Amino acid sequence: MHAILVSQNPTGLITYTADGQVMNIITNGGRRPLSVSDNVGAPAEGRVEAFATVVAYAGSYTLNGNKVIHHVEVCSIPNAVNTDQVRLITNLKRNSLTLRTFTMVSVGRQITYREFVWERISK
């Protein structure tokens, strides 16, 4: 993804379904609320910050060895629609999953990788 997430404390949810669908949302931790409850009526500056600190997408996924490929169908970042986002599975345990991105450019600098540790939500 081409997110502008710069937080050291991101938060999010990822859902994989048995029929091959994935949904993912990641936000910066500690985001400030908009000044009004209606996102359309909020001042542009607040909407820009809100958009720049979240990425959300959904689509189908496939597994290929130790890689999961997210086939993006809808996304908060229009340029990512109809792309494949490849993630390396570096750890898979009963209640946790660690995914690593490949080298990419974000916020004007090259990032070797990003690693996301997902933990199963207890019911």
PDB file of N, CA and C in Angstrom:
ATOM      1  N   MET A   1       0.839  -1.161   0.000  1.00  0.00           N
ATOM      2  CA  MET A   1       0.000   0.000   0.000  1.00  0.00           C
ATOM      3  C   MET A   1       0.893   1.235   0.000  1.00  0.00           C
ATOM      4  N   HIS A   2       0.379   2.325  -0.444  1.00  0.00           N
ATOM      5  CA  HIS A   2       1.121   3.572  -0.479  1.00  0.00           C
ATOM      6  C   HIS A   2       0.626   4.490   0.627  1.00  0.00           C
ATOM      7  N   ALA A   3       0.544   3.972   1.828  1.00  0.00           N
ATOM      8  CA  ALA A   3      -0.011   4.722   2.944  1.00  0.00           C
ATOM      9  C   ALA A   3       0.982   5.744   3.462  1.00  0.00           C
ATOM     10  N   ILE A   4       0.459   6.735   4.145  1.00  0.00           N
ATOM     11  CA  ILE A   4       1.284   7.746   4.774  1.00  0.00           C
ATOM     12  C   ILE A   4       1.320   7.478   6.269  1.00  0.00           C
ATOM     13  N   LEU A   5       1.075   6.285   6.654  1.00  0.00           N
ATOM     14  CA  LEU A   5       1.093   5.951   8.073  1.00  0.00           C
ATOM     15  C   LEU A   5       2.496   6.136   8.607  1.00  0.00           C
ATOM     16  N   VAL A   6       2.641   6.976   9.587  1.00  0.00           N
ATOM     17  CA  VAL A   6       3.960   7.231  10.150  1.00  0.00           C
ATOM     18  C   VAL A   6       4.002   6.939  11.637  1.00  0.00           C
ATOM     19  N   SER A   7       2.928   6.452  12.180  1.00  0.00           N
ATOM     20  CA  SER A   7       2.834   6.204  13.610  1.00  0.00           C
ATOM     21  C   SER A   7       3.723   5.040  14.040  1.00  0.00           C
ATOM     22  N   GLN A   8       4.274   5.179  15.218  1.00  0.00           N
ATOM     23  CA  GLN A   8       5.002   4.065  15.814  1.00  0.00           C
ATOM     24  C   GLN A   8       4.045   3.129  16.541  1.00  0.00           C
ATOM     25  N   ASN A   9       2.770   3.515  16.593  1.00  0.00           N
ATOM     26  CA  ASN A   9       1.790   2.740  17.331  1.00  0.00           C
ATOM     27  C   ASN A   9       0.530   2.535  16.484  1.00  0.00           C
ATOM     28  N   PRO A  10       0.659   1.864  15.329  1.00  0.00           N
ATOM     29  CA  PRO A  10      -0.529   1.668  14.498  1.00  0.00           C
ATOM     30  C   PRO A  10      -1.488   0.670  15.138  1.00  0.00           C
ATOM     31  N   THR A  11      -2.724   0.741  14.703  1.00  0.00           N
ATOM     32  CA  THR A  11      -3.728  -0.196  15.158  1.00  0.00           C
ATOM     33  C   THR A  11      -4.563  -0.599  13.947  1.00  0.00           C
ATOM     34  N   GLY A  12      -5.136  -1.775  13.991  1.00  0.00           N
ATOM     35  CA  GLY A  12      -5.939  -2.184  12.851  1.00  0.00           C
ATOM     36  C   GLY A  12      -6.561  -3.546  13.033  1.00  0.00           C
ATOM     37  N   LEU A  13      -7.263  -3.946  12.005  1.00  0.00           N
ATOM     38  CA  LEU A  13      -7.907  -5.256  11.955  1.00  0.00           C
ATOM     39  C   LEU A  13      -7.706  -5.847  10.573  1.00  0.00           C
ATOM     40  N   ILE A  14      -7.513  -7.143  10.531  1.00  0.00           N
ATOM     41  CA  ILE A  14      -7.468  -7.856   9.262  1.00  0.00           C
ATOM     42  C   ILE A  14      -8.351  -9.085   9.423  1.00  0.00           C
ATOM     43  N   THR A  15      -9.119  -9.373   8.393  1.00  0.00           N
ATOM     44  CA  THR A  15     -10.016 -10.523   8.417  1.00  0.00           C
ATOM     45  C   THR A  15      -9.802 -11.333   7.150  1.00  0.00           C
ATOM     46  N   TYR A  16      -9.560 -12.611   7.324  1.00  0.00           N
ATOM     47  CA  TYR A  16      -9.503 -13.552   6.209  1.00  0.00           C
ATOM     48  C   TYR A  16     -10.695 -14.490   6.347  1.00  0.00           C
ATOM     49  N   THR A  17     -11.439 -14.683   5.270  1.00  0.00           N
ATOM     50  CA  THR A  17     -12.563 -15.613   5.320  1.00  0.00           C
ATOM     51  C   THR A  17     -12.177 -16.919   4.634  1.00  0.00           C
ATOM     52  N   ALA A  18     -12.890 -17.974   4.982  1.00  0.00           N
ATOM     53  CA  ALA A  18     -12.617 -19.293   4.408  1.00  0.00           C
ATOM     54  C   ALA A  18     -12.865 -19.325   2.905  1.00  0.00           C
ATOM     55  N   ASP A  19     -13.718 -18.430   2.410  1.00  0.00           N
ATOM     56  CA  ASP A  19     -14.003 -18.429   0.972  1.00  0.00           C
ATOM     57  C   ASP A  19     -13.092 -17.485   0.187  1.00  0.00           C
ATOM     58  N   GLY A  20     -11.965 -17.054   0.793  1.00  0.00           N
ATOM     59  CA  GLY A  20     -10.940 -16.323   0.050  1.00  0.00           C
ATOM     60  C   GLY A  20     -11.073 -14.817   0.003  1.00  0.00           C
ATOM     61  N   GLN A  21     -11.733 -14.218   0.975  1.00  0.00           N
ATOM     62  CA  GLN A  21     -11.864 -12.762   1.020  1.00  0.00           C
ATOM     63  C   GLN A  21     -10.997 -12.198   2.144  1.00  0.00           C
ATOM     64  N   VAL A  22     -10.475 -10.991   1.937  1.00  0.00           N
ATOM     65  CA  VAL A  22      -9.679 -10.306   2.950  1.00  0.00           C
ATOM     66  C   VAL A  22     -10.204  -8.882   3.106  1.00  0.00           C
ATOM     67  N   MET A  23     -10.210  -8.400   4.343  1.00  0.00           N
ATOM     68  CA  MET A  23     -10.541  -7.007   4.664  1.00  0.00           C
ATOM     69  C   MET A  23      -9.475  -6.518   5.633  1.00  0.00           C
ATOM     70  N   ASN A  24      -8.985  -5.310   5.423  1.00  0.00           N
ATOM     71  CA  ASN A  24      -7.876  -4.808   6.218  1.00  0.00           C
ATOM     72  C   ASN A  24      -8.063  -3.311   6.444  1.00  0.00           C
ATOM     73  N   ILE A  25      -7.845  -2.883   7.678  1.00  0.00           N
ATOM     74  CA  ILE A  25      -7.831  -1.454   7.993  1.00  0.00           C
ATOM     75  C   ILE A  25      -6.710  -1.217   8.995  1.00  0.00           C
ATOM     76  N   ILE A  26      -5.895  -0.201   8.716  1.00  0.00           N
ATOM     77  CA  ILE A  26      -4.795   0.171   9.608  1.00  0.00           C
ATOM     78  C   ILE A  26      -4.834   1.682   9.772  1.00  0.00           C
ATOM     79  N   THR A  27      -4.733   2.136  11.025  1.00  0.00           N
ATOM     80  CA  THR A  27      -4.695   3.570  11.300  1.00  0.00           C
ATOM     81  C   THR A  27      -3.523   3.888  12.212  1.00  0.00           C
ATOM     82  N   ASN A  28      -3.130   5.135  12.194  1.00  0.00           N
ATOM     83  CA  ASN A  28      -2.163   5.598  13.183  1.00  0.00           C
ATOM     84  C   ASN A  28      -2.812   5.521  14.550  1.00  0.00           C
ATOM     85  N   GLY A  29      -2.032   5.179  15.547  1.00  0.00           N
ATOM     86  CA  GLY A  29      -2.545   5.218  16.911  1.00  0.00           C
ATOM     87  C   GLY A  29      -2.711   6.659  17.366  1.00  0.00           C
ATOM     88  N   GLY A  30      -3.680   6.921  18.211  1.00  0.00           N
ATOM     89  CA  GLY A  30      -3.862   8.248  18.771  1.00  0.00           C
ATOM     90  C   GLY A  30      -4.355   9.300  17.796  1.00  0.00           C
ATOM     91  N   ARG A  31      -5.136   8.905  16.803  1.00  0.00           N
ATOM     92  CA  ARG A  31      -5.663   9.883  15.846  1.00  0.00           C
ATOM     93  C   ARG A  31      -6.597  10.862  16.546  1.00  0.00           C
ATOM     94  N   ARG A  32      -6.526  12.123  16.141  1.00  0.00           N
ATOM     95  CA  ARG A  32      -7.409  13.149  16.703  1.00  0.00           C
ATOM     96  C   ARG A  32      -8.778  13.051  16.041  1.00  0.00           C
ATOM     97  N   PRO A  33      -9.840  13.222  16.818  1.00  0.00           N
ATOM     98  CA  PRO A  33     -11.176  13.213  16.210  1.00  0.00           C
ATOM     99  C   PRO A  33     -11.384  14.455  15.351  1.00  0.00           C
ATOM    100  N   LEU A  34     -12.281  14.346  14.381  1.00  0.00           N
ATOM    101  CA  LEU A  34     -12.660  15.513  13.589  1.00  0.00           C
ATOM    102  C   LEU A  34     -13.411  16.491  14.487  1.00  0.00           C
ATOM    103  N   SER A  35     -13.437  17.747  14.091  1.00  0.00           N
ATOM    104  CA  SER A  35     -14.086  18.775  14.913  1.00  0.00           C
ATOM    105  C   SER A  35     -15.604  18.671  14.882  1.00  0.00           C
ATOM    106  N   VAL A  36     -16.148  17.947  13.914  1.00  0.00           N
ATOM    107  CA  VAL A  36     -17.592  17.701  13.830  1.00  0.00           C
ATOM    108  C   VAL A  36     -17.795  16.219  13.536  1.00  0.00           C
ATOM    109  N   SER A  37     -18.984  15.718  13.830  1.00  0.00           N
ATOM    110  CA  SER A  37     -19.229  14.289  13.637  1.00  0.00           C
ATOM    111  C   SER A  37     -19.464  13.915  12.173  1.00  0.00           C
ATOM    112  N   ASP A  38     -19.744  14.881  11.335  1.00  0.00           N
ATOM    113  CA  ASP A  38     -19.997  14.641   9.918  1.00  0.00           C
ATOM    114  C   ASP A  38     -18.694  14.846   9.151  1.00  0.00           C
ATOM    115  N   ASN A  39     -18.128  13.767   8.612  1.00  0.00           N
ATOM    116  CA  ASN A  39     -16.825  13.902   7.952  1.00  0.00           C
ATOM    117  C   ASN A  39     -16.875  14.811   6.725  1.00  0.00           C
ATOM    118  N   VAL A  40     -18.006  14.929   6.066  1.00  0.00           N
ATOM    119  CA  VAL A  40     -18.112  15.807   4.901  1.00  0.00           C
ATOM    120  C   VAL A  40     -18.108  17.266   5.337  1.00  0.00           C
ATOM    121  N   GLY A  41     -18.701  17.559   6.489  1.00  0.00           N
ATOM    122  CA  GLY A  41     -18.767  18.932   6.982  1.00  0.00           C
ATOM    123  C   GLY A  41     -17.547  19.374   7.757  1.00  0.00           C
ATOM    124  N   ALA A  42     -16.627  18.461   8.023  1.00  0.00           N
ATOM    125  CA  ALA A  42     -15.424  18.812   8.776  1.00  0.00           C
ATOM    126  C   ALA A  42     -14.517  19.697   7.923  1.00  0.00           C
ATOM    127  N   PRO A  43     -13.749  20.566   8.555  1.00  0.00           N
ATOM    128  CA  PRO A  43     -12.796  21.395   7.811  1.00  0.00           C
ATOM    129  C   PRO A  43     -11.819  20.527   7.006  1.00  0.00           C
ATOM    130  N   ALA A  44     -11.390  21.029   5.877  1.00  0.00           N
ATOM    131  CA  ALA A  44     -10.525  20.286   4.964  1.00  0.00           C
ATOM    132  C   ALA A  44      -9.253  19.791   5.659  1.00  0.00           C
ATOM    133  N   GLU A  45      -8.663  20.615   6.504  1.00  0.00           N
ATOM    134  CA  GLU A  45      -7.416  20.223   7.179  1.00  0.00           C
ATOM    135  C   GLU A  45      -7.614  18.947   8.010  1.00  0.00           C
ATOM    136  N   GLY A  46      -8.714  18.858   8.727  1.00  0.00           N
ATOM    137  CA  GLY A  46      -9.001  17.666   9.522  1.00  0.00           C
ATOM    138  C   GLY A  46      -9.249  16.442   8.655  1.00  0.00           C
ATOM    139  N   ARG A  47      -9.964  16.641   7.538  1.00  0.00           N
ATOM    140  CA  ARG A  47     -10.222  15.520   6.631  1.00  0.00           C
ATOM    141  C   ARG A  47      -8.935  15.027   5.991  1.00  0.00           C
ATOM    142  N   VAL A  48      -8.036  15.939   5.649  1.00  0.00           N
ATOM    143  CA  VAL A  48      -6.746  15.546   5.059  1.00  0.00           C
ATOM    144  C   VAL A  48      -5.963  14.692   6.044  1.00  0.00           C
ATOM    145  N   GLU A  49      -5.890  15.137   7.292  1.00  0.00           N
ATOM    146  CA  GLU A  49      -5.161  14.362   8.303  1.00  0.00           C
ATOM    147  C   GLU A  49      -5.810  12.998   8.525  1.00  0.00           C
ATOM    148  N   ALA A  50      -7.138  12.969   8.576  1.00  0.00           N
ATOM    149  CA  ALA A  50      -7.837  11.695   8.781  1.00  0.00           C
ATOM    150  C   ALA A  50      -7.561  10.739   7.632  1.00  0.00           C
ATOM    151  N   PHE A  51      -7.601  11.216   6.413  1.00  0.00           N
ATOM    152  CA  PHE A  51      -7.349  10.363   5.251  1.00  0.00           C
ATOM    153  C   PHE A  51      -5.899   9.882   5.225  1.00  0.00           C
ATOM    154  N   ALA A  52      -4.973  10.761   5.571  1.00  0.00           N
ATOM    155  CA  ALA A  52      -3.550  10.425   5.481  1.00  0.00           C
ATOM    156  C   ALA A  52      -3.096   9.448   6.555  1.00  0.00           C
ATOM    157  N   THR A  53      -3.937   9.181   7.548  1.00  0.00           N
ATOM    158  CA  THR A  53      -3.529   8.306   8.645  1.00  0.00           C
ATOM    159  C   THR A  53      -4.341   7.022   8.705  1.00  0.00           C
ATOM    160  N   VAL A  54      -4.925   6.639   7.574  1.00  0.00           N
ATOM    161  CA  VAL A  54      -5.682   5.386   7.511  1.00  0.00           C
ATOM    162  C   VAL A  54      -5.526   4.775   6.125  1.00  0.00           C
ATOM    163  N   VAL A  55      -5.472   3.476   6.103  1.00  0.00           N
ATOM    164  CA  VAL A  55      -5.570   2.750   4.843  1.00  0.00           C
ATOM    165  C   VAL A  55      -6.518   1.585   5.100  1.00  0.00           C
ATOM    166  N   ALA A  56      -7.454   1.416   4.189  1.00  0.00           N
ATOM    167  CA  ALA A  56      -8.420   0.331   4.305  1.00  0.00           C
ATOM    168  C   ALA A  56      -8.617  -0.262   2.916  1.00  0.00           C
ATOM    169  N   TYR A  57      -8.650  -1.580   2.859  1.00  0.00           N
ATOM    170  CA  TYR A  57      -8.918  -2.206   1.570  1.00  0.00           C
ATOM    171  C   TYR A  57      -9.562  -3.564   1.773  1.00  0.00           C
ATOM    172  N   ALA A  58     -10.130  -4.073   0.688  1.00  0.00           N
ATOM    173  CA  ALA A  58     -10.764  -5.391   0.710  1.00  0.00           C
ATOM    174  C   ALA A  58     -10.678  -5.987  -0.685  1.00  0.00           C
ATOM    175  N   GLY A  59     -10.769  -7.292  -0.716  1.00  0.00           N
ATOM    176  CA  GLY A  59     -10.742  -8.018  -1.985  1.00  0.00           C
ATOM    177  C   GLY A  59     -10.591  -9.496  -1.700  1.00  0.00           C
ATOM    178  N   SER A  60     -10.041 -10.198  -2.660  1.00  0.00           N
ATOM    179  CA  SER A  60      -9.798 -11.625  -2.470  1.00  0.00           C
ATOM    180  C   SER A  60      -8.321 -11.833  -2.134  1.00  0.00           C
ATOM    181  N   TYR A  61      -7.997 -13.043  -1.715  1.00  0.00           N
ATOM    182  CA  TYR A  61      -6.596 -13.363  -1.436  1.00  0.00           C
ATOM    183  C   TYR A  61      -6.294 -14.771  -1.916  1.00  0.00           C
ATOM    184  N   THR A  62      -5.023 -14.995  -2.198  1.00  0.00           N
ATOM    185  CA  THR A  62      -4.537 -16.332  -2.524  1.00  0.00           C
ATOM    186  C   THR A  62      -3.256 -16.577  -1.748  1.00  0.00           C
ATOM    187  N   LEU A  63      -2.996 -17.833  -1.471  1.00  0.00           N
ATOM    188  CA  LEU A  63      -1.756 -18.236  -0.811  1.00  0.00           C
ATOM    189  C   LEU A  63      -0.838 -18.867  -1.842  1.00  0.00           C
ATOM    190  N   ASN A  64       0.457 -18.538  -1.739  1.00  0.00           N
ATOM    191  CA  ASN A  64       1.465 -19.101  -2.628  1.00  0.00           C
ATOM    192  C   ASN A  64       2.707 -19.355  -1.784  1.00  0.00           C
ATOM    193  N   GLY A  65       2.835 -20.565  -1.266  1.00  0.00           N
ATOM    194  CA  GLY A  65       3.952 -20.884  -0.374  1.00  0.00           C
ATOM    195  C   GLY A  65       3.867 -20.057   0.888  1.00  0.00           C
ATOM    196  N   ASN A  66       4.936 -19.292   1.172  1.00  0.00           N
ATOM    197  CA  ASN A  66       4.946 -18.455   2.380  1.00  0.00           C
ATOM    198  C   ASN A  66       4.521 -17.019   2.078  1.00  0.00           C
ATOM    199  N   LYS A  67       3.766 -16.835   0.994  1.00  0.00           N
ATOM    200  CA  LYS A  67       3.265 -15.516   0.629  1.00  0.00           C
ATOM    201  C   LYS A  67       1.742 -15.545   0.583  1.00  0.00           C
ATOM    202  N   VAL A  68       1.150 -14.435   0.998  1.00  0.00           N
ATOM    203  CA  VAL A  68      -0.281 -14.226   0.805  1.00  0.00           C
ATOM    204  C   VAL A  68      -0.394 -13.016  -0.120  1.00  0.00           C
ATOM    205  N   ILE A  69      -1.210 -13.161  -1.147  1.00  0.00           N
ATOM    206  CA  ILE A  69      -1.391 -12.086  -2.118  1.00  0.00           C
ATOM    207  C   ILE A  69      -2.802 -11.533  -1.951  1.00  0.00           C
ATOM    208  N   HIS A  70      -2.882 -10.256  -1.618  1.00  0.00           N
ATOM    209  CA  HIS A  70      -4.161  -9.565  -1.480  1.00  0.00           C
ATOM    210  C   HIS A  70      -4.482  -8.942  -2.833  1.00  0.00           C
ATOM    211  N   HIS A  71      -5.567  -9.355  -3.441  1.00  0.00           N
ATOM    212  CA  HIS A  71      -6.014  -8.826  -4.726  1.00  0.00           C
ATOM    213  C   HIS A  71      -7.017  -7.706  -4.422  1.00  0.00           C
ATOM    214  N   VAL A  72      -6.539  -6.483  -4.436  1.00  0.00           N
ATOM    215  CA  VAL A  72      -7.301  -5.337  -3.956  1.00  0.00           C
ATOM    216  C   VAL A  72      -8.418  -4.974  -4.938  1.00  0.00           C
ATOM    217  N   GLU A  73      -9.644  -4.964  -4.426  1.00  0.00           N
ATOM    218  CA  GLU A  73     -10.818  -4.617  -5.232  1.00  0.00           C
ATOM    219  C   GLU A  73     -11.386  -3.251  -4.864  1.00  0.00           C
ATOM    220  N   VAL A  74     -11.315  -2.881  -3.596  1.00  0.00           N
ATOM    221  CA  VAL A  74     -11.712  -1.552  -3.126  1.00  0.00           C
ATOM    222  C   VAL A  74     -10.653  -1.079  -2.142  1.00  0.00           C
ATOM    223  N   CYS A  75     -10.405   0.237  -2.126  1.00  0.00           N
ATOM    224  CA  CYS A  75      -9.340   0.736  -1.258  1.00  0.00           C
ATOM    225  C   CYS A  75      -9.537   2.220  -0.983  1.00  0.00           C
ATOM    226  N   SER A  76      -9.127   2.654   0.197  1.00  0.00           N
ATOM    227  CA  SER A  76      -9.159   4.072   0.537  1.00  0.00           C
ATOM    228  C   SER A  76      -8.171   4.864  -0.318  1.00  0.00           C
ATOM    229  N   ILE A  77      -7.211   4.196  -0.905  1.00  0.00           N
ATOM    230  CA  ILE A  77      -6.245   4.824  -1.812  1.00  0.00           C
ATOM    231  C   ILE A  77      -6.591   4.353  -3.221  1.00  0.00           C
ATOM    232  N   PRO A  78      -7.199   5.199  -4.042  1.00  0.00           N
ATOM    233  CA  PRO A  78      -7.674   4.768  -5.352  1.00  0.00           C
ATOM    234  C   PRO A  78      -6.615   4.099  -6.225  1.00  0.00           C
ATOM    235  N   ASN A  79      -5.369   4.523  -6.132  1.00  0.00           N
ATOM    236  CA  ASN A  79      -4.306   3.956  -6.971  1.00  0.00           C
ATOM    237  C   ASN A  79      -4.030   2.492  -6.671  1.00  0.00           C
ATOM    238  N   ALA A  80      -4.464   2.002  -5.522  1.00  0.00           N
ATOM    239  CA  ALA A  80      -4.206   0.608  -5.148  1.00  0.00           C
ATOM    240  C   ALA A  80      -5.282  -0.352  -5.642  1.00  0.00           C
ATOM    241  N   VAL A  81      -6.407   0.174  -6.130  1.00  0.00           N
ATOM    242  CA  VAL A  81      -7.468  -0.683  -6.650  1.00  0.00           C
ATOM    243  C   VAL A  81      -6.944  -1.455  -7.865  1.00  0.00           C
ATOM    244  N   ASN A  82      -7.292  -2.716  -7.935  1.00  0.00           N
ATOM    245  CA  ASN A  82      -6.864  -3.624  -9.008  1.00  0.00           C
ATOM    246  C   ASN A  82      -5.359  -3.907  -8.987  1.00  0.00           C
ATOM    247  N   THR A  83      -4.755  -3.819  -7.808  1.00  0.00           N
ATOM    248  CA  THR A  83      -3.354  -4.218  -7.671  1.00  0.00           C
ATOM    249  C   THR A  83      -3.280  -5.444  -6.776  1.00  0.00           C
ATOM    250  N   ASP A  84      -2.157  -6.105  -6.813  1.00  0.00           N
ATOM    251  CA  ASP A  84      -1.880  -7.224  -5.922  1.00  0.00           C
ATOM    252  C   ASP A  84      -0.868  -6.763  -4.887  1.00  0.00           C
ATOM    253  N   GLN A  85      -1.200  -6.947  -3.636  1.00  0.00           N
ATOM    254  CA  GLN A  85      -0.318  -6.592  -2.533  1.00  0.00           C
ATOM    255  C   GLN A  85       0.229  -7.888  -1.948  1.00  0.00           C
ATOM    256  N   VAL A  86       1.513  -8.134  -2.154  1.00  0.00           N
ATOM    257  CA  VAL A  86       2.138  -9.380  -1.722  1.00  0.00           C
ATOM    258  C   VAL A  86       2.727  -9.185  -0.328  1.00  0.00           C
ATOM    259  N   ARG A  87       2.426 -10.127   0.544  1.00  0.00           N
ATOM    260  CA  ARG A  87       2.941 -10.106   1.911  1.00  0.00           C
ATOM    261  C   ARG A  87       3.639 -11.429   2.189  1.00  0.00           C
ATOM    262  N   LEU A  88       4.781 -11.360   2.820  1.00  0.00           N
ATOM    263  CA  LEU A  88       5.528 -12.542   3.233  1.00  0.00           C
ATOM    264  C   LEU A  88       5.043 -12.952   4.620  1.00  0.00           C
ATOM    265  N   ILE A  89       4.671 -14.210   4.772  1.00  0.00           N
ATOM    266  CA  ILE A  89       4.258 -14.732   6.074  1.00  0.00           C
ATOM    267  C   ILE A  89       5.521 -15.156   6.804  1.00  0.00           C
ATOM    268  N   THR A  90       5.898 -14.401   7.834  1.00  0.00           N
ATOM    269  CA  THR A  90       7.133 -14.716   8.553  1.00  0.00           C
ATOM    270  C   THR A  90       6.871 -15.463   9.854  1.00  0.00           C
ATOM    271  N   ASN A  91       5.623 -15.458  10.300  1.00  0.00           N
ATOM    272  CA  ASN A  91       5.284 -16.187  11.520  1.00  0.00           C
ATOM    273  C   ASN A  91       3.791 -16.491  11.481  1.00  0.00           C
ATOM    274  N   LEU A  92       3.458 -17.733  11.697  1.00  0.00           N
ATOM    275  CA  LEU A  92       2.062 -18.142  11.748  1.00  0.00           C
ATOM    276  C   LEU A  92       1.909 -19.101  12.909  1.00  0.00           C
ATOM    277  N   LYS A  93       1.194 -18.646  13.916  1.00  0.00           N
ATOM    278  CA  LYS A  93       0.917 -19.460  15.089  1.00  0.00           C
ATOM    279  C   LYS A  93      -0.589 -19.527  15.274  1.00  0.00           C
ATOM    280  N   ARG A  94      -1.016 -20.279  16.245  1.00  0.00           N
ATOM    281  CA  ARG A  94      -2.447 -20.458  16.483  1.00  0.00           C
ATOM    282  C   ARG A  94      -3.192 -19.126  16.612  1.00  0.00           C
ATOM    283  N   ASN A  95      -2.612 -18.187  17.351  1.00  0.00           N
ATOM    284  CA  ASN A  95      -3.308 -16.929  17.614  1.00  0.00           C
ATOM    285  C   ASN A  95      -2.593 -15.693  17.094  1.00  0.00           C
ATOM    286  N   SER A  96      -1.578 -15.861  16.256  1.00  0.00           N
ATOM    287  CA  SER A  96      -0.908 -14.682  15.713  1.00  0.00           C
ATOM    288  C   SER A  96      -0.384 -14.946  14.305  1.00  0.00           C
ATOM    289  N   LEU A  97      -0.285 -13.872  13.569  1.00  0.00           N
ATOM    290  CA  LEU A  97       0.189 -13.904  12.186  1.00  0.00           C
ATOM    291  C   LEU A  97       1.079 -12.695  11.992  1.00  0.00           C
ATOM    292  N   THR A  98       2.279 -12.895  11.456  1.00  0.00           N
ATOM    293  CA  THR A  98       3.174 -11.792  11.153  1.00  0.00           C
ATOM    294  C   THR A  98       3.343 -11.720   9.647  1.00  0.00           C
ATOM    295  N   LEU A  99       3.025 -10.557   9.091  1.00  0.00           N
ATOM    296  CA  LEU A  99       3.160 -10.307   7.661  1.00  0.00           C
ATOM    297  C   LEU A  99       4.193  -9.218   7.442  1.00  0.00           C
ATOM    298  N   ARG A 100       5.017  -9.395   6.418  1.00  0.00           N
ATOM    299  CA  ARG A 100       6.054  -8.416   6.090  1.00  0.00           C
ATOM    300  C   ARG A 100       5.852  -7.949   4.653  1.00  0.00           C
ATOM    301  N   THR A 101       5.938  -6.637   4.474  1.00  0.00           N
ATOM    302  CA  THR A 101       5.884  -6.087   3.125  1.00  0.00           C
ATOM    303  C   THR A 101       7.253  -6.228   2.481  1.00  0.00           C
ATOM    304  N   PHE A 102       7.305  -5.994   1.207  1.00  0.00           N
ATOM    305  CA  PHE A 102       8.575  -5.967   0.494  1.00  0.00           C
ATOM    306  C   PHE A 102       9.034  -4.520   0.399  1.00  0.00           C
ATOM    307  N   THR A 103      10.238  -4.279  -0.076  1.00  0.00           N
ATOM    308  CA  THR A 103      10.778  -2.937  -0.188  1.00  0.00           C
ATOM    309  C   THR A 103       9.811  -2.055  -0.963  1.00  0.00           C
ATOM    310  N   MET A 104       9.597  -0.844  -0.454  1.00  0.00           N
ATOM    311  CA  MET A 104       8.690   0.093  -1.111  1.00  0.00           C
ATOM    312  C   MET A 104       9.125   1.507  -0.785  1.00  0.00           C
ATOM    313  N   VAL A 105       8.510   2.468  -1.467  1.00  0.00           N
ATOM    314  CA  VAL A 105       8.756   3.878  -1.196  1.00  0.00           C
ATOM    315  C   VAL A 105       7.516   4.427  -0.510  1.00  0.00           C
ATOM    316  N   SER A 106       7.719   5.090   0.618  1.00  0.00           N
ATOM    317  CA  SER A 106       6.619   5.695   1.363  1.00  0.00           C
ATOM    318  C   SER A 106       7.090   7.011   1.937  1.00  0.00           C
ATOM    319  N   VAL A 107       6.273   8.028   1.809  1.00  0.00           N
ATOM    320  CA  VAL A 107       6.586   9.365   2.303  1.00  0.00           C
ATOM    321  C   VAL A 107       7.946   9.821   1.765  1.00  0.00           C
ATOM    322  N   GLY A 108       8.185   9.516   0.491  1.00  0.00           N
ATOM    323  CA  GLY A 108       9.387   9.972  -0.179  1.00  0.00           C
ATOM    324  C   GLY A 108      10.677   9.279   0.203  1.00  0.00           C
ATOM    325  N   ARG A 109      10.608   8.177   0.942  1.00  0.00           N
ATOM    326  CA  ARG A 109      11.842   7.472   1.296  1.00  0.00           C
ATOM    327  C   ARG A 109      11.650   5.972   1.093  1.00  0.00           C
ATOM    328  N   GLN A 110      12.743   5.298   0.825  1.00  0.00           N
ATOM    329  CA  GLN A 110      12.675   3.858   0.623  1.00  0.00           C
ATOM    330  C   GLN A 110      12.632   3.158   1.971  1.00  0.00           C
ATOM    331  N   ILE A 111      11.693   2.232   2.088  1.00  0.00           N
ATOM    332  CA  ILE A 111      11.543   1.449   3.309  1.00  0.00           C
ATOM    333  C   ILE A 111      11.873   0.010   2.960  1.00  0.00           C
ATOM    334  N   THR A 112      12.808  -0.584   3.684  1.00  0.00           N
ATOM    335  CA  THR A 112      13.200  -1.951   3.401  1.00  0.00           C
ATOM    336  C   THR A 112      12.006  -2.872   3.518  1.00  0.00           C
ATOM    337  N   TYR A 113      11.283  -2.776   4.596  1.00  0.00           N
ATOM    338  CA  TYR A 113      10.040  -3.531   4.770  1.00  0.00           C
ATOM    339  C   TYR A 113       9.296  -2.992   5.970  1.00  0.00           C
ATOM    340  N   ARG A 114       8.039  -3.336   6.013  1.00  0.00           N
ATOM    341  CA  ARG A 114       7.235  -3.086   7.212  1.00  0.00           C
ATOM    342  C   ARG A 114       6.733  -4.430   7.676  1.00  0.00           C
ATOM    343  N   GLU A 115       6.648  -4.577   8.966  1.00  0.00           N
ATOM    344  CA  GLU A 115       6.174  -5.839   9.530  1.00  0.00           C
ATOM    345  C   GLU A 115       4.945  -5.557  10.382  1.00  0.00           C
ATOM    346  N   PHE A 116       3.922  -6.363  10.182  1.00  0.00           N
ATOM    347  CA  PHE A 116       2.666  -6.226  10.917  1.00  0.00           C
ATOM    348  C   PHE A 116       2.418  -7.512  11.679  1.00  0.00           C
ATOM    349  N   VAL A 117       2.226  -7.391  12.977  1.00  0.00           N
ATOM    350  CA  VAL A 117       1.918  -8.545  13.817  1.00  0.00           C
ATOM    351  C   VAL A 117       0.437  -8.470  14.159  1.00  0.00           C
ATOM    352  N   TRP A 118      -0.295  -9.467  13.699  1.00  0.00           N
ATOM    353  CA  TRP A 118      -1.735  -9.540  13.931  1.00  0.00           C
ATOM    354  C   TRP A 118      -2.008 -10.597  14.982  1.00  0.00           C
ATOM    355  N   GLU A 119      -2.852 -10.278  15.925  1.00  0.00           N
ATOM    356  CA  GLU A 119      -3.227 -11.224  16.973  1.00  0.00           C
ATOM    357  C   GLU A 119      -4.717 -11.506  16.886  1.00  0.00           C
ATOM    358  N   ARG A 120      -5.079 -12.777  17.016  1.00  0.00           N
ATOM    359  CA  ARG A 120      -6.483 -13.173  16.951  1.00  0.00           C
ATOM    360  C   ARG A 120      -7.251 -12.537  18.105  1.00  0.00           C
ATOM    361  N   ILE A 121      -8.424 -12.020  17.788  1.00  0.00           N
ATOM    362  CA  ILE A 121      -9.291 -11.449  18.811  1.00  0.00           C
ATOM    363  C   ILE A 121     -10.036 -12.576  19.493  1.00  0.00           C
ATOM    364  N   SER A 122      -9.961 -12.591  20.808  1.00  0.00           N
ATOM    365  CA  SER A 122     -10.671 -13.620  21.581  1.00  0.00           C
ATOM    366  C   SER A 122     -12.145 -13.292  21.620  1.00  0.00           C
ATOM    367  N   LYS A 123     -12.948 -14.332  21.547  1.00  0.00           N
ATOM    368  CA  LYS A 123     -14.395 -14.130  21.593  1.00  0.00           C
ATOM    369  C   LYS A 123     -14.886 -14.169  23.022  1.00  0.00           C
TER     370      LYS A 123
END
